[in-house]
Amino acid sequence: MAQAFVLINCELGSEEQIISELKTFSDVKEIHGTFGAYDIIAKVSSDSIEKIRETITWKIRKIEKIRSTLTLTKIEGQGE
């Protein structure tokens, strides 16, 4: 299974709204608020990296009040 972690920087005070919207996407499996340079981390899993790209590009990055994202893709077989 393909996986990616999306680090999200959002406008101040919009974290709960963004988290609520992320929960509606079936490929988003985990969501956590964070302290530091990024406000939210989301784990995205699907049967292909192409579906993950579509979810990130056409769903996550289109959410209002998201300023920027950084995507880290999992290397299959490493660390398992």
Protein backbone atom coordinates (compact mmCIF):
# COMPACT_ATOMS: atom_id res chain seq x y z
CA MET A 1 0.00 0.00 0.00
CA ALA A 2 1.29 3.47 -0.90
CA GLN A 3 1.52 6.02 1.91
CA ALA A 4 2.42 9.66 2.30
CA PHE A 5 2.57 12.14 5.14
CA VAL A 6 1.36 15.65 4.38
CA LEU A 7 2.62 18.47 6.58
CA ILE A 8 0.19 21.36 6.46
CA ASN A 9 0.71 25.03 7.31
CA CYS A 10 -2.57 26.91 7.70
CA GLU A 11 -3.93 30.30 8.65
CA LEU A 12 -4.02 31.01 12.37
CA GLY A 13 -7.17 29.67 14.01
CA SER A 14 -8.28 27.54 11.05
CA GLU A 15 -6.85 24.23 12.30
CA GLU A 16 -10.12 22.69 13.52
CA GLN A 17 -11.97 23.63 10.31
CA ILE A 18 -9.23 22.08 8.17
CA ILE A 19 -9.07 18.94 10.33
CA SER A 20 -12.85 18.53 9.98
CA GLU A 21 -12.59 18.76 6.20
CA LEU A 22 -9.65 16.33 6.05
CA LYS A 23 -11.76 13.76 7.92
CA THR A 24 -14.19 13.64 4.97
CA PHE A 25 -11.53 12.23 2.59
CA SER A 26 -11.44 8.43 2.55
CA ASP A 27 -7.70 8.22 1.75
CA VAL A 28 -6.78 10.36 4.79
CA LYS A 29 -6.25 7.76 7.51
CA GLU A 30 -4.81 9.83 10.39
CA ILE A 31 -4.77 13.52 11.27
CA HIS A 32 -2.85 15.21 14.10
CA GLY A 33 -2.39 18.80 15.19
CA THR A 34 1.27 19.66 15.74
CA PHE A 35 3.47 22.36 17.27
CA GLY A 36 6.31 23.79 15.22
CA ALA A 37 6.74 24.92 11.63
CA TYR A 38 3.64 22.96 10.52
CA ASP A 39 0.20 22.97 12.11
CA ILE A 40 -1.25 19.62 10.98
CA ILE A 41 0.11 16.28 9.78
CA ALA A 42 -2.09 13.93 7.75
CA LYS A 43 -1.34 10.33 6.83
CA VAL A 44 -2.66 9.45 3.38
CA SER A 45 -2.89 5.81 2.23
CA SER A 46 -4.15 4.27 -0.99
CA ASP A 47 -3.50 1.35 -3.29
CA SER A 48 -1.39 3.53 -5.64
CA ILE A 49 0.81 6.60 -5.47
CA GLU A 50 -1.26 8.09 -8.29
CA LYS A 51 -4.39 8.09 -6.10
CA ILE A 52 -2.41 9.69 -3.30
CA ARG A 53 -1.22 12.43 -5.68
CA GLU A 54 -4.81 13.06 -6.76
CA THR A 55 -6.01 13.30 -3.15
CA ILE A 56 -3.26 15.73 -2.23
CA THR A 57 -3.44 17.86 -5.38
CA TRP A 58 -7.18 18.02 -5.99
CA LYS A 59 -8.58 17.71 -2.46
CA ILE A 60 -6.16 18.61 0.32
CA ARG A 61 -4.36 21.48 -1.39
CA LYS A 62 -7.72 22.99 -2.46
CA ILE A 63 -8.93 23.44 1.14
CA GLU A 64 -9.38 27.10 1.98
CA LYS A 65 -6.98 28.59 4.53
CA ILE A 66 -4.17 26.11 3.81
CA ARG A 67 -1.06 28.20 3.17
CA SER A 68 1.34 25.44 2.16
CA THR A 69 1.97 21.70 2.25
CA LEU A 70 5.01 19.46 2.29
CA THR A 71 4.54 15.84 1.23
CA LEU A 72 6.79 13.00 2.40
CA THR A 73 6.26 9.70 0.62
CA LYS A 74 6.99 6.38 2.26
CA ILE A 75 9.76 4.19 0.86
CA GLU A 76 8.25 0.72 0.56
CA GLY A 77 10.12 -1.95 2.50
CA GLN A 78 12.38 0.44 4.41
CA GLY A 79 11.99 0.45 8.18
CA GLU A 80 9.55 -2.47 8.23
